[in-house]
Amino acid sequence: MGLIARIRDGGGVQVTLRFAAALALGAIGGALFAGIGAPLPWVLGAMIACAIGSVAGLPVRASPATRRPMAAILGVVLGSSFRPDLIAQARDWIVPLALLPVFLATAALLCVTYFRRVAKFDPATAYFAGMPGGIAEMVLMGSERGADERMIGLIHGARIFLVVLVLPFLIRLVHPPIATASVPLAGGTADWTLLLWGGGCIAVGLVLGRVLRLPAWHLIGPLAVSAGVHMTGLTDFRIPGWAVAAAQVGLGATIGCRFAGLDLRTLARTLMLAAGSTAILLALTIVWALAIGHVTGIDPALLTLAYSPGGVAEMSMVALSLALEPGFVVVHHLTRVVLVLLGAPLAFARTGKAGRP
């Protein structure tokens, strides 16, 4: 009890101690999920353990700043899965990329209508809660237009939580992992060459991501640099499995800790509302994935991850764990982020009323 009291009442070290506690709790949850053979165990286990701990009042916390080092490592891992022959495959992505704006407009229309008529949100809150964009961007845009930024953040956080929780199991039902699924995730050794290449990709990527103002720059910057050196054949380094697992624990802990400070009633209402919009999005995603897959021959499981309403890091890691093409998922999610960032404020300004996106 004394340690818990010191963490709760601490000063400058409070955030660090709470994050360390979240990582410890997340590691326990990840180990349990790995033991039962769950998909993406270190993310899901850490996410659920930290969500339970947050609601229970345990002194755990993970802020966007604490997520960034983990996201940078995952970016390098995802970039290392890009191969020199990937460019030749990119021509097969034209159809799903061309249809993505239509999918996003349909998804936004359905979700905004849902939040207006079912949740009874005000127009601005319903609009930005229903947009299939990132949490930070939608909260910022909504707050500038008079929306309830706390509710927007909770809805998007709950949506990502539910998608990450449900989708890996659904995908595994129709697309069991194969023996080569873990190859891109591990195989590296912690020597000076890894420090040179991996550390260099992180350092250069973070600087470029910040300077170029890339979306999710702490993830996309290192990913882009790592992808570049792997696609050009300069190196074929791999991050050690233990480092990847640690980064996944940090990612899962960050998602789970978003529910800190919520009472059970607020949490239950948020999850119920988010579950409704998530069901709409997942159903729409699966229908589109099956249709596009039928026309193009692309694996519907891969299309589902590319069109899914989850985060780029989470969905790409699911693809990697199932030996699907993470580059395909990354490109589609980055396109989604850019389209929503550009289109959402323009549509809101044009209609003058968020109920008609």
Protein backbone atom coordinates (compact mmCIF):
# COMPACT_ATOMS: atom_id res chain seq x y z
CA MET A 1 0.00 0.00 0.00
CA GLY A 2 2.88 2.36 0.71
CA LEU A 3 4.26 2.04 -2.81
CA ILE A 4 0.84 2.63 -4.37
CA ALA A 5 0.34 5.73 -2.23
CA ARG A 6 3.73 7.10 -3.27
CA ILE A 7 2.93 6.53 -6.96
CA ARG A 8 -0.43 8.27 -6.63
CA ASP A 9 0.89 11.22 -4.69
CA GLY A 10 4.34 11.51 -6.30
CA GLY A 11 5.76 14.55 -8.02
CA GLY A 12 7.93 14.65 -11.09
CA VAL A 13 8.46 10.89 -11.22
CA GLN A 14 4.76 10.09 -11.03
CA VAL A 15 4.24 9.60 -14.76
CA THR A 16 7.32 7.40 -15.07
CA LEU A 17 6.29 5.22 -12.15
CA ARG A 18 2.76 4.83 -13.45
CA PHE A 19 4.01 3.94 -16.91
CA ALA A 20 6.40 1.38 -15.42
CA ALA A 21 3.45 -0.09 -13.50
CA ALA A 22 1.41 -0.20 -16.72
CA LEU A 23 4.22 -2.01 -18.54
CA ALA A 24 4.57 -4.53 -15.73
CA LEU A 25 0.83 -5.19 -15.68
CA GLY A 26 0.76 -5.32 -19.47
CA ALA A 27 3.63 -7.80 -19.58
CA ILE A 28 1.73 -10.11 -17.24
CA GLY A 29 -1.36 -9.88 -19.43
CA GLY A 30 0.71 -10.45 -22.57
CA ALA A 31 2.39 -13.51 -21.09
CA LEU A 32 -1.01 -14.97 -20.15
CA PHE A 33 -2.37 -14.41 -23.67
CA ALA A 34 0.78 -15.86 -25.22
CA GLY A 35 0.36 -18.90 -23.01
CA ILE A 36 -3.14 -19.60 -24.33
CA GLY A 37 -2.14 -19.02 -27.94
CA ALA A 38 -4.21 -15.87 -28.55
CA PRO A 39 -3.54 -13.85 -31.72
CA LEU A 40 -1.33 -10.79 -31.24
CA PRO A 41 -0.93 -11.79 -27.54
CA TRP A 42 1.43 -9.07 -26.30
CA VAL A 43 -0.83 -6.29 -27.60
CA LEU A 44 -4.17 -7.84 -26.63
CA GLY A 45 -2.99 -9.12 -23.25
CA ALA A 46 -1.42 -5.83 -22.27
CA MET A 47 -4.44 -3.88 -23.54
CA ILE A 48 -6.99 -5.88 -21.57
CA ALA A 49 -4.88 -6.06 -18.40
CA CYS A 50 -4.27 -2.31 -18.38
CA ALA A 51 -7.91 -1.53 -19.21
CA ILE A 52 -9.03 -3.59 -16.22
CA GLY A 53 -6.35 -2.04 -14.02
CA SER A 54 -7.28 1.49 -15.12
CA VAL A 55 -10.97 1.04 -14.37
CA ALA A 56 -10.12 -0.65 -11.06
CA GLY A 57 -8.14 2.40 -10.00
CA LEU A 58 -4.65 0.92 -10.12
CA PRO A 59 -1.87 3.53 -10.52
CA VAL A 60 -1.19 2.86 -14.20
CA ARG A 61 -0.85 5.45 -16.92
CA ALA A 62 0.42 5.77 -20.48
CA SER A 63 0.43 9.07 -22.33
CA PRO A 64 1.08 9.78 -26.03
CA ALA A 65 4.66 10.70 -25.08
CA THR A 66 5.26 7.29 -23.51
CA ARG A 67 3.82 5.59 -26.60
CA ARG A 68 6.28 7.18 -29.01
CA PRO A 69 9.39 5.03 -28.31
CA MET A 70 7.27 1.88 -28.66
CA ALA A 71 5.71 3.15 -31.89
CA ALA A 72 9.17 3.96 -33.31
CA ILE A 73 10.35 0.38 -32.72
CA LEU A 74 7.19 -1.01 -34.30
CA GLY A 75 7.71 1.33 -37.24
CA VAL A 76 11.16 -0.12 -37.86
CA VAL A 77 9.75 -3.66 -37.56
CA LEU A 78 6.98 -2.93 -40.06
CA GLY A 79 9.45 -1.25 -42.39
CA SER A 80 11.69 -4.32 -42.30
CA SER A 81 8.86 -6.36 -43.83
CA PHE A 82 9.02 -4.28 -47.04
CA ARG A 83 10.83 -6.24 -49.75
CA PRO A 84 12.53 -5.14 -52.99
CA ASP A 85 9.78 -6.82 -55.03
CA LEU A 86 7.00 -4.88 -53.29
CA ILE A 87 6.92 -2.11 -55.90
CA ALA A 88 6.05 -4.65 -58.58
CA GLN A 89 3.02 -5.69 -56.55
CA ALA A 90 1.79 -2.12 -56.05
CA ARG A 91 -0.06 -2.07 -59.38
CA ASP A 92 -2.49 -4.60 -57.90
CA TRP A 93 -3.44 -2.07 -55.22
CA ILE A 94 -4.97 0.48 -57.62
CA VAL A 95 -8.57 -0.74 -57.33
CA PRO A 96 -8.81 -0.92 -53.51
CA LEU A 97 -7.04 2.45 -53.18
CA ALA A 98 -9.36 4.04 -55.74
CA LEU A 99 -12.44 2.73 -53.91
CA LEU A 100 -11.20 3.79 -50.48
CA PRO A 101 -12.70 7.32 -50.62
CA VAL A 102 -16.13 5.88 -51.45
CA PHE A 103 -15.83 3.44 -48.57
CA LEU A 104 -14.83 6.21 -46.15
CA ALA A 105 -17.73 8.45 -47.22
CA THR A 106 -20.17 5.57 -46.73
CA ALA A 107 -18.70 4.66 -43.34
CA ALA A 108 -18.80 8.28 -42.18
CA LEU A 109 -22.40 8.75 -43.28
CA LEU A 110 -23.57 5.65 -41.43
CA CYS A 111 -21.62 6.36 -38.23
CA VAL A 112 -22.50 10.05 -38.00
CA THR A 113 -26.16 9.18 -38.51
CA TYR A 114 -25.86 6.54 -35.79
CA PHE A 115 -24.37 9.00 -33.28
CA ARG A 116 -27.01 11.62 -34.09
CA ARG A 117 -30.07 9.38 -33.92
CA VAL A 118 -29.05 6.68 -31.42
CA ALA A 119 -26.52 8.39 -29.14
CA LYS A 120 -28.28 11.80 -29.45
CA PHE A 121 -24.99 13.65 -29.76
CA ASP A 122 -24.98 17.27 -30.88
CA PRO A 123 -24.13 17.71 -34.60
CA ALA A 124 -20.43 18.57 -34.17
CA THR A 125 -19.76 15.80 -31.64
CA ALA A 126 -21.61 13.23 -33.76
CA TYR A 127 -19.69 14.31 -36.85
CA PHE A 128 -16.18 13.99 -35.46
CA ALA A 129 -17.01 10.93 -33.35
CA GLY A 130 -18.23 9.24 -36.53
CA MET A 131 -15.30 10.14 -38.76
CA PRO A 132 -12.97 7.14 -39.39
CA GLY A 133 -9.86 9.13 -38.48
CA GLY A 134 -7.24 9.21 -35.73
CA ILE A 135 -8.06 10.13 -32.14
CA ALA A 136 -5.82 13.17 -31.79
CA GLU A 137 -6.85 14.71 -35.11
CA MET A 138 -10.59 14.22 -34.56
CA VAL A 139 -10.43 15.57 -31.00
CA LEU A 140 -8.55 18.67 -32.17
CA MET A 141 -10.88 19.34 -35.11
CA GLY A 142 -13.96 18.75 -32.98
CA SER A 143 -12.85 21.01 -30.14
CA GLU A 144 -12.20 23.84 -32.61
CA ARG A 145 -15.81 23.54 -33.78
CA GLY A 146 -17.52 23.36 -30.40
CA ALA A 147 -17.82 19.57 -30.06
CA ASP A 148 -17.45 17.57 -26.84
CA GLU A 149 -13.77 16.68 -27.20
CA ARG A 150 -13.79 14.29 -24.23
CA MET A 151 -16.60 12.22 -25.71
CA ILE A 152 -14.93 12.20 -29.14
CA GLY A 153 -11.72 10.91 -27.58
CA LEU A 154 -13.55 8.25 -25.56
CA ILE A 155 -15.54 7.01 -28.57
CA HIS A 156 -12.49 6.73 -30.82
CA GLY A 157 -10.43 5.14 -28.04
CA ALA A 158 -13.17 2.59 -27.38
CA ARG A 159 -13.52 1.91 -31.12
CA ILE A 160 -9.82 1.10 -31.49
CA PHE A 161 -9.96 -1.02 -28.32
CA LEU A 162 -12.89 -3.05 -29.66
CA VAL A 163 -11.44 -3.45 -33.16
CA VAL A 164 -8.08 -4.62 -31.83
CA LEU A 165 -9.87 -6.96 -29.43
CA VAL A 166 -12.25 -8.54 -31.95
CA LEU A 167 -10.67 -8.43 -35.40
CA PRO A 168 -7.59 -10.66 -34.82
CA PHE A 169 -9.88 -13.47 -33.65
CA LEU A 170 -12.23 -13.01 -36.62
CA ILE A 171 -9.34 -13.01 -39.08
CA ARG A 172 -7.80 -16.10 -37.51
CA LEU A 173 -11.08 -18.00 -37.93
CA VAL A 174 -10.84 -17.69 -41.72
CA HIS A 175 -7.08 -17.22 -42.12
CA PRO A 176 -5.06 -19.40 -39.71
CA PRO A 177 -1.44 -18.28 -39.23
CA ILE A 178 1.16 -20.19 -41.21
CA ALA A 179 4.62 -21.28 -40.20
CA THR A 180 6.39 -18.29 -41.77
CA ALA A 181 4.25 -15.74 -39.95
CA SER A 182 6.85 -14.94 -37.34
CA VAL A 183 9.80 -14.54 -39.71
CA PRO A 184 9.59 -10.75 -40.16
CA LEU A 185 9.09 -10.23 -36.43
CA ALA A 186 12.24 -11.79 -35.09
CA GLY A 187 15.62 -13.23 -35.97
CA GLY A 188 17.81 -10.27 -35.16
CA THR A 189 20.54 -10.16 -32.55
CA ALA A 190 21.40 -7.20 -30.35
CA ASP A 191 24.83 -6.39 -31.83
CA TRP A 192 26.46 -3.25 -33.14
CA THR A 193 25.06 -3.66 -36.66
CA LEU A 194 21.52 -3.73 -35.31
CA LEU A 195 22.27 -0.66 -33.19
CA LEU A 196 23.64 1.08 -36.27
CA TRP A 197 20.80 0.24 -38.65
CA GLY A 198 17.89 0.06 -36.24
CA GLY A 199 18.95 3.05 -34.18
CA GLY A 200 19.73 5.00 -37.32
CA CYS A 201 16.29 4.30 -38.81
CA ILE A 202 14.65 5.45 -35.60
CA ALA A 203 16.73 8.61 -35.25
CA VAL A 204 16.50 9.69 -38.89
CA GLY A 205 12.86 8.65 -39.13
CA LEU A 206 11.81 10.65 -36.08
CA VAL A 207 13.54 13.77 -37.38
CA LEU A 208 12.05 13.42 -40.87
CA GLY A 209 8.61 12.59 -39.52
CA ARG A 210 8.63 15.65 -37.29
CA VAL A 211 10.00 18.02 -39.93
CA LEU A 212 7.64 16.78 -42.66
CA ARG A 213 4.70 16.72 -40.21
CA LEU A 214 3.76 13.21 -41.20
CA PRO A 215 0.61 11.70 -39.65
CA ALA A 216 1.60 9.56 -36.64
CA TRP A 217 5.15 10.81 -37.29
CA HIS A 218 6.72 8.79 -34.48
CA LEU A 219 5.53 5.61 -36.25
CA ILE A 220 5.54 6.57 -39.93
CA GLY A 221 8.96 8.29 -39.95
CA PRO A 222 10.95 5.25 -38.73
CA LEU A 223 8.74 2.98 -40.84
CA ALA A 224 9.49 4.94 -44.01
CA VAL A 225 13.26 4.97 -43.42
CA SER A 226 13.33 1.28 -42.49
CA ALA A 227 11.22 0.43 -45.55
CA GLY A 228 13.57 2.44 -47.74
CA VAL A 229 16.75 0.69 -46.65
CA HIS A 230 15.10 -2.74 -46.91
CA MET A 231 13.48 -2.17 -50.31
CA THR A 232 16.74 -0.90 -51.78
CA GLY A 233 18.60 -3.94 -50.45
CA LEU A 234 21.01 -1.94 -48.30
CA THR A 235 20.31 -4.18 -45.33
CA ASP A 236 18.08 -6.97 -44.14
CA PHE A 237 18.34 -6.47 -40.39
CA ARG A 238 15.68 -7.76 -37.99
CA ILE A 239 14.70 -6.50 -34.54
CA PRO A 240 15.07 -9.16 -31.78
CA GLY A 241 11.83 -10.82 -30.77
CA TRP A 242 12.06 -9.64 -27.18
CA ALA A 243 12.29 -6.00 -28.28
CA VAL A 244 9.26 -6.42 -30.54
CA ALA A 245 7.29 -8.02 -27.71
CA ALA A 246 8.25 -5.15 -25.37
CA ALA A 247 7.10 -2.57 -27.93
CA GLN A 248 3.83 -4.44 -28.39
CA VAL A 249 3.28 -4.44 -24.63
CA GLY A 250 3.78 -0.68 -24.63
CA LEU A 251 1.32 -0.27 -27.48
CA GLY A 252 -1.31 -2.42 -25.77
CA ALA A 253 -0.78 -0.67 -22.44
CA THR A 254 -1.34 2.72 -24.05
CA ILE A 255 -4.66 1.61 -25.52
CA GLY A 256 -5.82 0.05 -22.24
CA CYS A 257 -4.86 3.04 -20.11
CA ARG A 258 -7.12 5.36 -22.12
CA PHE A 259 -9.96 4.34 -19.78
CA ALA A 260 -8.23 5.64 -16.65
CA GLY A 261 -10.46 7.75 -14.42
CA LEU A 262 -13.76 6.53 -15.86
CA ASP A 263 -16.50 5.29 -13.57
CA LEU A 264 -18.23 2.05 -14.53
CA ARG A 265 -21.39 3.79 -15.71
CA THR A 266 -19.53 6.11 -18.10
CA LEU A 267 -17.34 3.26 -19.28
CA ALA A 268 -20.33 1.01 -19.95
CA ARG A 269 -22.17 3.71 -21.91
CA THR A 270 -19.07 4.59 -23.93
CA LEU A 271 -18.37 0.96 -24.79
CA MET A 272 -21.99 0.34 -25.75
CA LEU A 273 -22.11 3.36 -28.06
CA ALA A 274 -18.70 2.53 -29.53
CA ALA A 275 -19.76 -1.11 -29.98
CA GLY A 276 -22.66 0.03 -32.16
CA SER A 277 -20.48 2.13 -34.44
CA THR A 278 -17.77 -0.54 -34.47
CA ALA A 279 -20.30 -3.18 -35.54
CA ILE A 280 -21.43 -0.91 -38.38
CA LEU A 281 -17.86 -0.29 -39.50
CA LEU A 282 -16.75 -3.93 -39.28
CA ALA A 283 -19.82 -5.17 -41.15
CA LEU A 284 -19.26 -2.59 -43.87
CA THR A 285 -15.54 -3.44 -43.98
CA ILE A 286 -16.16 -7.16 -44.40
CA VAL A 287 -18.75 -6.62 -47.16
CA TRP A 288 -16.40 -4.34 -49.08
CA ALA A 289 -13.44 -6.67 -48.55
CA LEU A 290 -15.37 -9.65 -49.90
CA ALA A 291 -16.63 -7.68 -52.91
CA ILE A 292 -13.25 -6.17 -53.80
CA GLY A 293 -11.54 -9.49 -53.19
CA HIS A 294 -13.95 -11.21 -55.56
CA VAL A 295 -13.21 -8.68 -58.30
CA THR A 296 -9.45 -8.32 -57.84
CA GLY A 297 -8.40 -11.67 -56.39
CA ILE A 298 -6.79 -10.01 -53.37
CA ASP A 299 -7.12 -11.94 -50.11
CA PRO A 300 -10.30 -10.66 -48.35
CA ALA A 301 -8.54 -11.04 -44.98
CA LEU A 302 -5.84 -8.62 -46.14
CA LEU A 303 -8.47 -6.21 -47.49
CA THR A 304 -10.35 -6.39 -44.19
CA LEU A 305 -7.25 -5.28 -42.29
CA ALA A 306 -6.53 -2.54 -44.85
CA TYR A 307 -10.07 -1.12 -44.66
CA SER A 308 -10.66 -1.79 -40.95
CA PRO A 309 -11.38 1.07 -38.52
CA GLY A 310 -8.35 0.28 -36.37
CA GLY A 311 -4.99 2.01 -36.04
CA VAL A 312 -2.22 1.62 -38.60
CA ALA A 313 0.22 0.08 -36.11
CA GLU A 314 -2.30 -2.36 -34.66
CA MET A 315 -3.71 -3.57 -37.98
CA SER A 316 -0.28 -3.83 -39.57
CA MET A 317 0.95 -5.95 -36.67
CA VAL A 318 -2.04 -8.27 -37.11
CA ALA A 319 -1.14 -8.60 -40.82
CA LEU A 320 2.47 -9.33 -39.94
CA SER A 321 1.51 -11.96 -37.39
CA LEU A 322 -0.65 -13.75 -39.99
CA ALA A 323 1.98 -13.60 -42.76
CA LEU A 324 -0.16 -11.15 -44.75
CA GLU A 325 1.40 -8.18 -46.54
CA PRO A 326 1.82 -5.35 -43.98
CA GLY A 327 2.92 -2.89 -46.68
CA PHE A 328 -0.52 -3.14 -48.24
CA VAL A 329 -2.16 -2.39 -44.89
CA VAL A 330 0.19 0.49 -44.10
CA VAL A 331 -0.39 2.23 -47.45
CA HIS A 332 -4.17 1.97 -47.19
CA HIS A 333 -4.30 3.24 -43.62
CA LEU A 334 -2.02 6.17 -44.40
CA THR A 335 -4.25 7.01 -47.35
CA ARG A 336 -7.28 6.81 -45.05
CA VAL A 337 -5.68 9.18 -42.54
CA VAL A 338 -4.79 11.74 -45.22
CA LEU A 339 -8.23 11.57 -46.84
CA VAL A 340 -10.01 12.08 -43.52
CA LEU A 341 -7.68 14.89 -42.47
CA LEU A 342 -8.34 16.73 -45.73
CA GLY A 343 -11.96 15.80 -46.29
CA ALA A 344 -13.54 15.96 -42.83
CA PRO A 345 -13.10 19.71 -42.17
CA LEU A 346 -14.02 20.60 -45.77
CA ALA A 347 -17.23 18.58 -45.64
CA PHE A 348 -18.11 20.01 -42.24
CA ALA A 349 -17.63 23.57 -43.46
CA ARG A 350 -19.58 22.96 -46.68
CA THR A 351 -22.64 21.40 -45.09
CA GLY A 352 -22.64 23.74 -42.10
CA LYS A 353 -24.20 20.90 -40.18
CA ALA A 354 -22.40 17.72 -39.11
CA GLY A 355 -25.49 15.62 -39.40
CA ARG A 356 -25.08 15.65 -43.21
CA PRO A 357 -21.40 14.71 -43.92
